[in-house]
C-alpha cells in the first residue's frame, strides 16, 4: 500500500490544480478582428502571452501583444461610397477583462439613437488600440485617416475627430450599435475556465454621409504546453507502476508451492 501511495502521489504532482488560485502567465493565441458592417473585415494576431487570475476570474493582455506593422487592405465586399479601407501600425494597449468590467456609465444598453453600448452582465473591460485605419472614399483623392486611439475604440466615449464616433468597452456579452438604418448586434462567448474568450467592442461611426457600425473582436484561446520528453516518461512510468500495484493487490499474496 505504501508503494501504491508513493506512485499515485508522484503522478498527482504532474497534474495542475486550482487550489492556489494566483495570477499566472499562460501562452495563448490572440486575434484581433475589425469588421465594418456591410463593408468588410480583417483579422490579425497570433501566439502571445496572457495573464490569468482564477480567483478574480480575470484575463489581462500586455501592451503590444497584438501588432500589425505591414499595411493591410480590408476588402470591401459590398457596393458603398467607400472604395477601400487599409489598416497599419495597429497595436493594443494594456487590457484587463473581468466580471462587470464593461459596465462603464453611459455605455450600458439600451442607448439613445446613433450610439454604441454593451450588455454589462458578463466579463468585459477596457483596452484601447493604437494605429490608423485609412478610409478611401475616392482612391487617391479623398483618403481620411482614422486614429483608433482618438476614436476611443475599445475604451468607450464619443469624439467628432475626424468623424463622429461613439464607442463602448469590451464585453463577452452583447455589443450593440443603434443607427437610423436599424440596430446591429454581435455577441461574444466564454467558458467556465476562461480558456476561451471572444470579446466584442461596438462603435458607431458617421462619416461623409455613411453610418457605419464597426465591431472589433478579440479572440483569446489558451494553449496547452507540450510536455517535455522527461515529463512524459515520468508520467508513463508512474501510471505503469500504479497499474502493476493494482493488479498485484487484486491477485492477492503469492503462496509457496507444497513440498
C-alpha atoms as a PDB file:
ATOM      1  CA  UNK A   1       0.000   0.000   0.000  1.00  0.00           C
ATOM      2  CA  UNK A   2       2.903   2.364   0.777  1.00  0.00           C
ATOM      3  CA  UNK A   3       4.352   1.819  -2.706  1.00  0.00           C
ATOM      4  CA  UNK A   4       0.925   2.384  -4.240  1.00  0.00           C
ATOM      5  CA  UNK A   5       0.553   5.698  -2.400  1.00  0.00           C
ATOM      6  CA  UNK A   6       4.030   6.824  -3.460  1.00  0.00           C
ATOM      7  CA  UNK A   7       3.378   6.187  -7.153  1.00  0.00           C
ATOM      8  CA  UNK A   8      -0.019   7.911  -7.011  1.00  0.00           C
ATOM      9  CA  UNK A   9       1.472  10.943  -5.265  1.00  0.00           C
ATOM     10  CA  UNK A  10       4.217  11.261  -7.898  1.00  0.00           C
ATOM     11  CA  UNK A  11       1.653  11.124 -10.696  1.00  0.00           C
ATOM     12  CA  UNK A  12      -0.550  13.693  -8.932  1.00  0.00           C
ATOM     13  CA  UNK A  13       2.293  16.221  -8.910  1.00  0.00           C
ATOM     14  CA  UNK A  14       2.166  16.270 -12.704  1.00  0.00           C
ATOM     15  CA  UNK A  15      -1.490  17.365 -12.802  1.00  0.00           C
ATOM     16  CA  UNK A  16      -2.116  21.127 -12.376  1.00  0.00           C
ATOM     17  CA  UNK A  17      -4.555  22.142  -9.642  1.00  0.00           C
ATOM     18  CA  UNK A  18      -6.500  25.317  -8.916  1.00  0.00           C
ATOM     19  CA  UNK A  19      -6.008  25.155  -5.153  1.00  0.00           C
ATOM     20  CA  UNK A  20      -3.568  28.053  -5.297  1.00  0.00           C
ATOM     21  CA  UNK A  21      -5.544  30.493  -7.439  1.00  0.00           C
ATOM     22  CA  UNK A  22      -2.875  33.079  -8.211  1.00  0.00           C
ATOM     23  CA  UNK A  23      -2.246  35.079 -11.399  1.00  0.00           C
ATOM     24  CA  UNK A  24      -0.194  33.063 -13.866  1.00  0.00           C
ATOM     25  CA  UNK A  25       1.228  33.801 -17.319  1.00  0.00           C
ATOM     26  CA  UNK A  26      -0.087  31.461 -19.985  1.00  0.00           C
ATOM     27  CA  UNK A  27       0.729  31.028 -23.684  1.00  0.00           C
ATOM     28  CA  UNK A  28      -2.250  31.857 -25.871  1.00  0.00           C
ATOM     29  CA  UNK A  29      -3.423  32.503 -29.402  1.00  0.00           C
ATOM     30  CA  UNK A  30      -4.869  36.014 -29.628  1.00  0.00           C
ATOM     31  CA  UNK A  31      -6.544  37.500 -32.704  1.00  0.00           C
ATOM     32  CA  UNK A  32      -7.985  40.943 -33.270  1.00  0.00           C
ATOM     33  CA  UNK A  33     -10.741  41.298 -35.849  1.00  0.00           C
ATOM     34  CA  UNK A  34     -12.143  44.525 -37.269  1.00  0.00           C
ATOM     35  CA  UNK A  35     -15.493  44.199 -39.026  1.00  0.00           C
ATOM     36  CA  UNK A  36     -17.173  47.169 -40.679  1.00  0.00           C
ATOM     37  CA  UNK A  37     -20.814  46.230 -41.063  1.00  0.00           C
ATOM     38  CA  UNK A  38     -21.800  45.759 -44.720  1.00  0.00           C
ATOM     39  CA  UNK A  39     -18.300  46.739 -45.918  1.00  0.00           C
ATOM     40  CA  UNK A  40     -15.572  44.221 -44.986  1.00  0.00           C
ATOM     41  CA  UNK A  41     -13.324  42.788 -42.261  1.00  0.00           C
ATOM     42  CA  UNK A  42      -9.711  41.955 -41.365  1.00  0.00           C
ATOM     43  CA  UNK A  43      -8.193  39.637 -38.716  1.00  0.00           C
ATOM     44  CA  UNK A  44      -4.676  39.876 -37.255  1.00  0.00           C
ATOM     45  CA  UNK A  45      -2.770  38.265 -34.389  1.00  0.00           C
ATOM     46  CA  UNK A  46      -1.037  35.050 -33.353  1.00  0.00           C
ATOM     47  CA  UNK A  47       0.845  33.468 -30.412  1.00  0.00           C
ATOM     48  CA  UNK A  48       1.411  35.643 -27.329  1.00  0.00           C
ATOM     49  CA  UNK A  49       1.234  35.561 -23.510  1.00  0.00           C
ATOM     50  CA  UNK A  50      -1.779  36.439 -21.331  1.00  0.00           C
ATOM     51  CA  UNK A  51      -2.126  36.608 -17.540  1.00  0.00           C
ATOM     52  CA  UNK A  52      -4.966  34.631 -15.956  1.00  0.00           C
ATOM     53  CA  UNK A  53      -6.181  35.190 -12.388  1.00  0.00           C
ATOM     54  CA  UNK A  54      -8.545  32.295 -11.492  1.00  0.00           C
ATOM     55  CA  UNK A  55      -9.550  33.880  -8.164  1.00  0.00           C
ATOM     56  CA  UNK A  56     -10.641  37.157  -9.752  1.00  0.00           C
ATOM     57  CA  UNK A  57     -11.791  35.395 -12.950  1.00  0.00           C
ATOM     58  CA  UNK A  58      -9.824  37.928 -14.964  1.00  0.00           C
ATOM     59  CA  UNK A  59      -7.584  37.859 -18.024  1.00  0.00           C
ATOM     60  CA  UNK A  60      -5.098  40.620 -18.886  1.00  0.00           C
ATOM     61  CA  UNK A  61      -3.115  41.372 -22.017  1.00  0.00           C
ATOM     62  CA  UNK A  62       0.184  43.294 -22.092  1.00  0.00           C
ATOM     63  CA  UNK A  63       0.634  46.281 -24.432  1.00  0.00           C
ATOM     64  CA  UNK A  64       1.837  45.304 -27.890  1.00  0.00           C
ATOM     65  CA  UNK A  65       0.744  41.666 -27.614  1.00  0.00           C
ATOM     66  CA  UNK A  66      -1.059  42.172 -30.932  1.00  0.00           C
ATOM     67  CA  UNK A  67       0.760  44.101 -33.624  1.00  0.00           C
ATOM     68  CA  UNK A  68       0.289  44.801 -37.319  1.00  0.00           C
ATOM     69  CA  UNK A  69       3.327  46.519 -38.814  1.00  0.00           C
ATOM     70  CA  UNK A  70       2.627  45.869 -42.504  1.00  0.00           C
ATOM     71  CA  UNK A  71      -0.285  47.818 -44.024  1.00  0.00           C
ATOM     72  CA  UNK A  72      -3.212  45.505 -44.730  1.00  0.00           C
ATOM     73  CA  UNK A  73      -6.150  46.191 -47.029  1.00  0.00           C
ATOM     74  CA  UNK A  74      -9.612  45.447 -45.651  1.00  0.00           C
ATOM     75  CA  UNK A  75     -11.555  44.041 -48.624  1.00  0.00           C
ATOM     76  CA  UNK A  76     -14.720  45.952 -49.462  1.00  0.00           C
ATOM     77  CA  UNK A  77     -17.295  43.235 -50.054  1.00  0.00           C
ATOM     78  CA  UNK A  78     -20.358  45.347 -50.874  1.00  0.00           C
ATOM     79  CA  UNK A  79     -21.160  48.371 -53.014  1.00  0.00           C
ATOM     80  CA  UNK A  80     -20.855  51.516 -50.895  1.00  0.00           C
ATOM     81  CA  UNK A  81     -19.427  55.009 -51.162  1.00  0.00           C
ATOM     82  CA  UNK A  82     -16.263  53.607 -49.542  1.00  0.00           C
ATOM     83  CA  UNK A  83     -13.840  52.339 -52.166  1.00  0.00           C
ATOM     84  CA  UNK A  84     -11.066  50.951 -49.950  1.00  0.00           C
ATOM     85  CA  UNK A  85     -10.031  50.617 -46.303  1.00  0.00           C
ATOM     86  CA  UNK A  86      -6.499  49.853 -45.130  1.00  0.00           C
ATOM     87  CA  UNK A  87      -5.048  49.308 -41.648  1.00  0.00           C
ATOM     88  CA  UNK A  88      -1.469  49.923 -40.494  1.00  0.00           C
ATOM     89  CA  UNK A  89       0.600  50.065 -37.291  1.00  0.00           C
ATOM     90  CA  UNK A  90      -2.228  48.555 -35.245  1.00  0.00           C
ATOM     91  CA  UNK A  91      -1.337  47.515 -31.709  1.00  0.00           C
ATOM     92  CA  UNK A  92      -3.157  47.012 -28.407  1.00  0.00           C
ATOM     93  CA  UNK A  93      -2.775  48.969 -25.200  1.00  0.00           C
ATOM     94  CA  UNK A  94      -2.977  47.240 -21.804  1.00  0.00           C
ATOM     95  CA  UNK A  95      -6.231  45.317 -21.402  1.00  0.00           C
ATOM     96  CA  UNK A  96      -7.938  43.869 -18.337  1.00  0.00           C
ATOM     97  CA  UNK A  97     -11.096  41.789 -18.690  1.00  0.00           C
ATOM     98  CA  UNK A  98     -13.008  40.849 -15.521  1.00  0.00           C
ATOM     99  CA  UNK A  99     -16.601  40.421 -14.262  1.00  0.00           C
ATOM    100  CA  UNK A 100     -18.662  43.559 -14.945  1.00  0.00           C
ATOM    101  CA  UNK A 101     -15.583  45.236 -16.410  1.00  0.00           C
ATOM    102  CA  UNK A 102     -17.691  46.501 -19.282  1.00  0.00           C
ATOM    103  CA  UNK A 103     -20.118  48.367 -17.013  1.00  0.00           C
ATOM    104  CA  UNK A 104     -18.945  51.868 -17.944  1.00  0.00           C
ATOM    105  CA  UNK A 105     -21.539  54.530 -17.007  1.00  0.00           C
ATOM    106  CA  UNK A 106     -23.372  55.746 -20.086  1.00  0.00           C
ATOM    107  CA  UNK A 107     -22.288  52.780 -22.221  1.00  0.00           C
ATOM    108  CA  UNK A 108     -24.682  50.128 -20.877  1.00  0.00           C
ATOM    109  CA  UNK A 109     -27.604  49.121 -23.126  1.00  0.00           C
ATOM    110  CA  UNK A 110     -30.074  50.397 -24.086  1.00  0.00           C
ATOM    111  CA  UNK A 111     -28.502  53.563 -25.516  1.00  0.00           C
ATOM    112  CA  UNK A 112     -30.012  56.503 -27.316  1.00  0.00           C
ATOM    113  CA  UNK A 113     -30.021  56.916 -31.073  1.00  0.00           C
ATOM    114  CA  UNK A 114     -26.743  56.742 -33.002  1.00  0.00           C
ATOM    115  CA  UNK A 115     -24.802  55.206 -30.126  1.00  0.00           C
ATOM    116  CA  UNK A 116     -22.943  52.038 -29.190  1.00  0.00           C
ATOM    117  CA  UNK A 117     -23.470  50.098 -25.961  1.00  0.00           C
ATOM    118  CA  UNK A 118     -22.762  46.750 -24.271  1.00  0.00           C
ATOM    119  CA  UNK A 119     -24.623  44.259 -22.126  1.00  0.00           C
ATOM    120  CA  UNK A 120     -22.664  44.618 -18.864  1.00  0.00           C
ATOM    121  CA  UNK A 121     -23.655  41.356 -17.137  1.00  0.00           C
ATOM    122  CA  UNK A 122     -20.644  39.431 -18.444  1.00  0.00           C
ATOM    123  CA  UNK A 123     -16.854  39.602 -18.318  1.00  0.00           C
ATOM    124  CA  UNK A 124     -15.578  42.727 -20.003  1.00  0.00           C
ATOM    125  CA  UNK A 125     -13.162  45.613 -19.725  1.00  0.00           C
ATOM    126  CA  UNK A 126     -11.240  48.410 -21.405  1.00  0.00           C
ATOM    127  CA  UNK A 127      -8.397  48.009 -23.885  1.00  0.00           C
ATOM    128  CA  UNK A 128      -7.539  50.801 -26.271  1.00  0.00           C
ATOM    129  CA  UNK A 129      -5.971  50.369 -29.693  1.00  0.00           C
ATOM    130  CA  UNK A 130      -3.291  52.383 -31.461  1.00  0.00           C
ATOM    131  CA  UNK A 131      -2.776  52.623 -35.176  1.00  0.00           C
ATOM    132  CA  UNK A 132      -4.512  54.012 -38.232  1.00  0.00           C
ATOM    133  CA  UNK A 133      -7.328  52.882 -40.470  1.00  0.00           C
ATOM    134  CA  UNK A 134      -7.446  54.792 -43.752  1.00  0.00           C
ATOM    135  CA  UNK A 135     -10.859  55.151 -45.351  1.00  0.00           C
ATOM    136  CA  UNK A 136     -10.735  55.928 -49.077  1.00  0.00           C
ATOM    137  CA  UNK A 137     -13.967  57.444 -50.356  1.00  0.00           C
ATOM    138  CA  UNK A 138     -12.376  58.189 -53.735  1.00  0.00           C
ATOM    139  CA  UNK A 139      -8.993  56.408 -54.146  1.00  0.00           C
ATOM    140  CA  UNK A 140      -6.015  58.782 -54.242  1.00  0.00           C
ATOM    141  CA  UNK A 141      -8.362  61.773 -53.951  1.00  0.00           C
ATOM    142  CA  UNK A 142     -10.234  61.582 -50.633  1.00  0.00           C
ATOM    143  CA  UNK A 143      -8.430  59.391 -48.096  1.00  0.00           C
ATOM    144  CA  UNK A 144      -9.243  60.056 -44.439  1.00  0.00           C
ATOM    145  CA  UNK A 145      -7.017  58.556 -41.700  1.00  0.00           C
ATOM    146  CA  UNK A 146      -8.804  57.357 -38.565  1.00  0.00           C
ATOM    147  CA  UNK A 147      -6.732  57.273 -35.374  1.00  0.00           C
ATOM    148  CA  UNK A 148      -8.022  54.245 -33.427  1.00  0.00           C
ATOM    149  CA  UNK A 149      -6.937  55.678 -30.065  1.00  0.00           C
ATOM    150  CA  UNK A 150      -8.585  59.056 -30.718  1.00  0.00           C
ATOM    151  CA  UNK A 151     -11.739  57.233 -31.847  1.00  0.00           C
ATOM    152  CA  UNK A 152     -11.896  55.603 -28.365  1.00  0.00           C
ATOM    153  CA  UNK A 153     -12.385  52.126 -29.877  1.00  0.00           C
ATOM    154  CA  UNK A 154     -12.291  49.562 -27.058  1.00  0.00           C
ATOM    155  CA  UNK A 155     -12.456  52.295 -24.407  1.00  0.00           C
ATOM    156  CA  UNK A 156     -15.858  53.930 -24.639  1.00  0.00           C
ATOM    157  CA  UNK A 157     -16.822  57.572 -25.120  1.00  0.00           C
ATOM    158  CA  UNK A 158     -17.505  59.898 -28.020  1.00  0.00           C
ATOM    159  CA  UNK A 159     -15.476  62.094 -30.342  1.00  0.00           C
ATOM    160  CA  UNK A 160     -16.007  64.059 -33.549  1.00  0.00           C
ATOM    161  CA  UNK A 161     -12.441  63.933 -34.963  1.00  0.00           C
ATOM    162  CA  UNK A 162     -12.197  63.290 -37.860  1.00  0.00           C
ATOM    163  CA  UNK A 163     -15.628  61.616 -37.953  1.00  0.00           C
ATOM    164  CA  UNK A 164     -18.354  61.256 -35.362  1.00  0.00           C
ATOM    165  CA  UNK A 165     -17.547  58.224 -33.197  1.00  0.00           C
ATOM    166  CA  UNK A 166     -19.388  56.678 -30.266  1.00  0.00           C
ATOM    167  CA  UNK A 167     -17.616  53.675 -28.733  1.00  0.00           C
ATOM    168  CA  UNK A 168     -18.266  51.191 -25.924  1.00  0.00           C
ATOM    169  CA  UNK A 169     -15.852  48.929 -23.966  1.00  0.00           C
ATOM    170  CA  UNK A 170     -15.220  45.204 -24.483  1.00  0.00           C
ATOM    171  CA  UNK A 171     -17.676  42.523 -23.393  1.00  0.00           C
ATOM    172  CA  UNK A 172     -18.314  38.804 -23.871  1.00  0.00           C
ATOM    173  CA  UNK A 173     -21.998  39.683 -23.717  1.00  0.00           C
ATOM    174  CA  UNK A 174     -23.778  41.627 -26.443  1.00  0.00           C
ATOM    175  CA  UNK A 175     -22.347  44.614 -28.256  1.00  0.00           C
ATOM    176  CA  UNK A 176     -24.950  46.826 -29.889  1.00  0.00           C
ATOM    177  CA  UNK A 177     -24.992  49.768 -32.299  1.00  0.00           C
ATOM    178  CA  UNK A 178     -28.145  51.820 -32.937  1.00  0.00           C
ATOM    179  CA  UNK A 179     -28.430  53.729 -36.221  1.00  0.00           C
ATOM    180  CA  UNK A 180     -31.332  55.227 -38.161  1.00  0.00           C
ATOM    181  CA  UNK A 181     -30.908  52.241 -40.503  1.00  0.00           C
ATOM    182  CA  UNK A 182     -31.518  49.715 -37.721  1.00  0.00           C
ATOM    183  CA  UNK A 183     -29.962  48.032 -34.696  1.00  0.00           C
ATOM    184  CA  UNK A 184     -26.889  45.858 -35.161  1.00  0.00           C
ATOM    185  CA  UNK A 185     -25.613  43.380 -32.556  1.00  0.00           C
ATOM    186  CA  UNK A 186     -22.748  40.956 -32.074  1.00  0.00           C
ATOM    187  CA  UNK A 187     -22.180  38.745 -29.018  1.00  0.00           C
ATOM    188  CA  UNK A 188     -19.003  37.357 -27.510  1.00  0.00           C
ATOM    189  CA  UNK A 189     -18.504  33.995 -25.807  1.00  0.00           C
ATOM    190  CA  UNK A 190     -16.608  32.420 -22.921  1.00  0.00           C
ATOM    191  CA  UNK A 191     -16.364  29.158 -20.984  1.00  0.00           C
ATOM    192  CA  UNK A 192     -16.169  28.353 -17.280  1.00  0.00           C
ATOM    193  CA  UNK A 193     -12.363  28.009 -17.211  1.00  0.00           C
ATOM    194  CA  UNK A 194     -11.666  31.240 -19.130  1.00  0.00           C
ATOM    195  CA  UNK A 195      -9.547  29.195 -21.540  1.00  0.00           C
ATOM    196  CA  UNK A 196     -11.539  30.582 -24.482  1.00  0.00           C
ATOM    197  CA  UNK A 197     -12.808  34.144 -24.683  1.00  0.00           C
ATOM    198  CA  UNK A 198     -14.250  36.147 -27.549  1.00  0.00           C
ATOM    199  CA  UNK A 199     -14.836  39.771 -26.614  1.00  0.00           C
ATOM    200  CA  UNK A 200     -16.507  42.409 -28.742  1.00  0.00           C
ATOM    201  CA  UNK A 201     -16.465  46.203 -28.691  1.00  0.00           C
ATOM    202  CA  UNK A 202     -19.046  48.114 -30.783  1.00  0.00           C
ATOM    203  CA  UNK A 203     -18.503  51.520 -32.394  1.00  0.00           C
ATOM    204  CA  UNK A 204     -20.911  53.846 -34.207  1.00  0.00           C
ATOM    205  CA  UNK A 205     -19.334  55.934 -36.991  1.00  0.00           C
ATOM    206  CA  UNK A 206     -20.831  58.757 -39.033  1.00  0.00           C
ATOM    207  CA  UNK A 207     -18.554  59.688 -41.932  1.00  0.00           C
ATOM    208  CA  UNK A 208     -19.322  61.721 -45.050  1.00  0.00           C
ATOM    209  CA  UNK A 209     -22.946  60.634 -45.101  1.00  0.00           C
ATOM    210  CA  UNK A 210     -22.157  56.998 -44.234  1.00  0.00           C
ATOM    211  CA  UNK A 211     -23.453  55.488 -40.982  1.00  0.00           C
ATOM    212  CA  UNK A 212     -21.151  52.557 -40.176  1.00  0.00           C
ATOM    213  CA  UNK A 213     -21.451  50.113 -37.281  1.00  0.00           C
ATOM    214  CA  UNK A 214     -17.962  48.729 -36.518  1.00  0.00           C
ATOM    215  CA  UNK A 215     -17.500  45.605 -34.380  1.00  0.00           C
ATOM    216  CA  UNK A 216     -13.969  44.848 -33.203  1.00  0.00           C
ATOM    217  CA  UNK A 217     -13.472  41.367 -31.753  1.00  0.00           C
ATOM    218  CA  UNK A 218     -10.736  39.910 -29.565  1.00  0.00           C
ATOM    219  CA  UNK A 219     -10.313  36.111 -29.544  1.00  0.00           C
ATOM    220  CA  UNK A 220      -8.218  34.628 -26.708  1.00  0.00           C
ATOM    221  CA  UNK A 221      -7.521  30.872 -26.633  1.00  0.00           C
ATOM    222  CA  UNK A 222      -5.142  29.471 -24.011  1.00  0.00           C
ATOM    223  CA  UNK A 223      -2.780  26.876 -25.432  1.00  0.00           C
ATOM    224  CA  UNK A 224      -1.727  23.689 -23.619  1.00  0.00           C
ATOM    225  CA  UNK A 225       2.085  23.400 -23.424  1.00  0.00           C
ATOM    226  CA  UNK A 226       3.543  20.198 -24.873  1.00  0.00           C
ATOM    227  CA  UNK A 227       5.162  18.165 -22.044  1.00  0.00           C
ATOM    228  CA  UNK A 228       8.905  17.600 -22.308  1.00  0.00           C
ATOM    229  CA  UNK A 229      10.060  14.014 -23.056  1.00  0.00           C
ATOM    230  CA  UNK A 230      11.309  13.555 -19.477  1.00  0.00           C
ATOM    231  CA  UNK A 231       7.915  14.547 -18.092  1.00  0.00           C
ATOM    232  CA  UNK A 232       6.142  12.131 -20.422  1.00  0.00           C
ATOM    233  CA  UNK A 233       8.469   9.268 -19.352  1.00  0.00           C
ATOM    234  CA  UNK A 234       7.893  10.047 -15.673  1.00  0.00           C
ATOM    235  CA  UNK A 235       4.131  10.143 -16.144  1.00  0.00           C
ATOM    236  CA  UNK A 236       4.195   6.899 -18.174  1.00  0.00           C
ATOM    237  CA  UNK A 237       6.308   5.012 -15.619  1.00  0.00           C
ATOM    238  CA  UNK A 238       4.146   6.301 -12.784  1.00  0.00           C
ATOM    239  CA  UNK A 239       0.933   5.111 -14.426  1.00  0.00           C
ATOM    240  CA  UNK A 240       2.551   1.752 -15.304  1.00  0.00           C
ATOM    241  CA  UNK A 241       3.653   1.255 -11.713  1.00  0.00           C
ATOM    242  CA  UNK A 242       0.185   2.153 -10.495  1.00  0.00           C
ATOM    243  CA  UNK A 243      -1.354  -0.480 -12.793  1.00  0.00           C
ATOM    244  CA  UNK A 244       1.090  -3.183 -11.627  1.00  0.00           C
ATOM    245  CA  UNK A 245       0.434  -2.432  -7.973  1.00  0.00           C
ATOM    246  CA  UNK A 246      -3.322  -2.537  -8.551  1.00  0.00           C
ATOM    247  CA  UNK A 247      -3.060  -5.911 -10.375  1.00  0.00           C
ATOM    248  CA  UNK A 248      -0.973  -7.440  -7.571  1.00  0.00           C
ATOM    249  CA  UNK A 249      -3.475  -6.288  -4.974  1.00  0.00           C
ATOM    250  CA  UNK A 250      -6.319  -7.956  -6.894  1.00  0.00           C
ATOM    251  CA  UNK A 251      -4.408 -11.251  -7.245  1.00  0.00           C
ATOM    252  CA  UNK A 252      -3.550 -11.389  -3.521  1.00  0.00           C
ATOM    253  CA  UNK A 253      -0.296 -12.563  -1.902  1.00  0.00           C
ATOM    254  CA  UNK A 254       1.691 -15.311  -3.591  1.00  0.00           C
ATOM    255  CA  UNK A 255       1.854 -18.728  -1.795  1.00  0.00           C
ATOM    256  CA  UNK A 256       4.796 -21.127  -1.810  1.00  0.00           C
ATOM    257  CA  UNK A 257       4.293 -24.450  -3.663  1.00  0.00           C
ATOM    258  CA  UNK A 258       3.808 -27.564  -1.403  1.00  0.00           C
ATOM    259  CA  UNK A 259       6.859 -29.665  -0.627  1.00  0.00           C
END
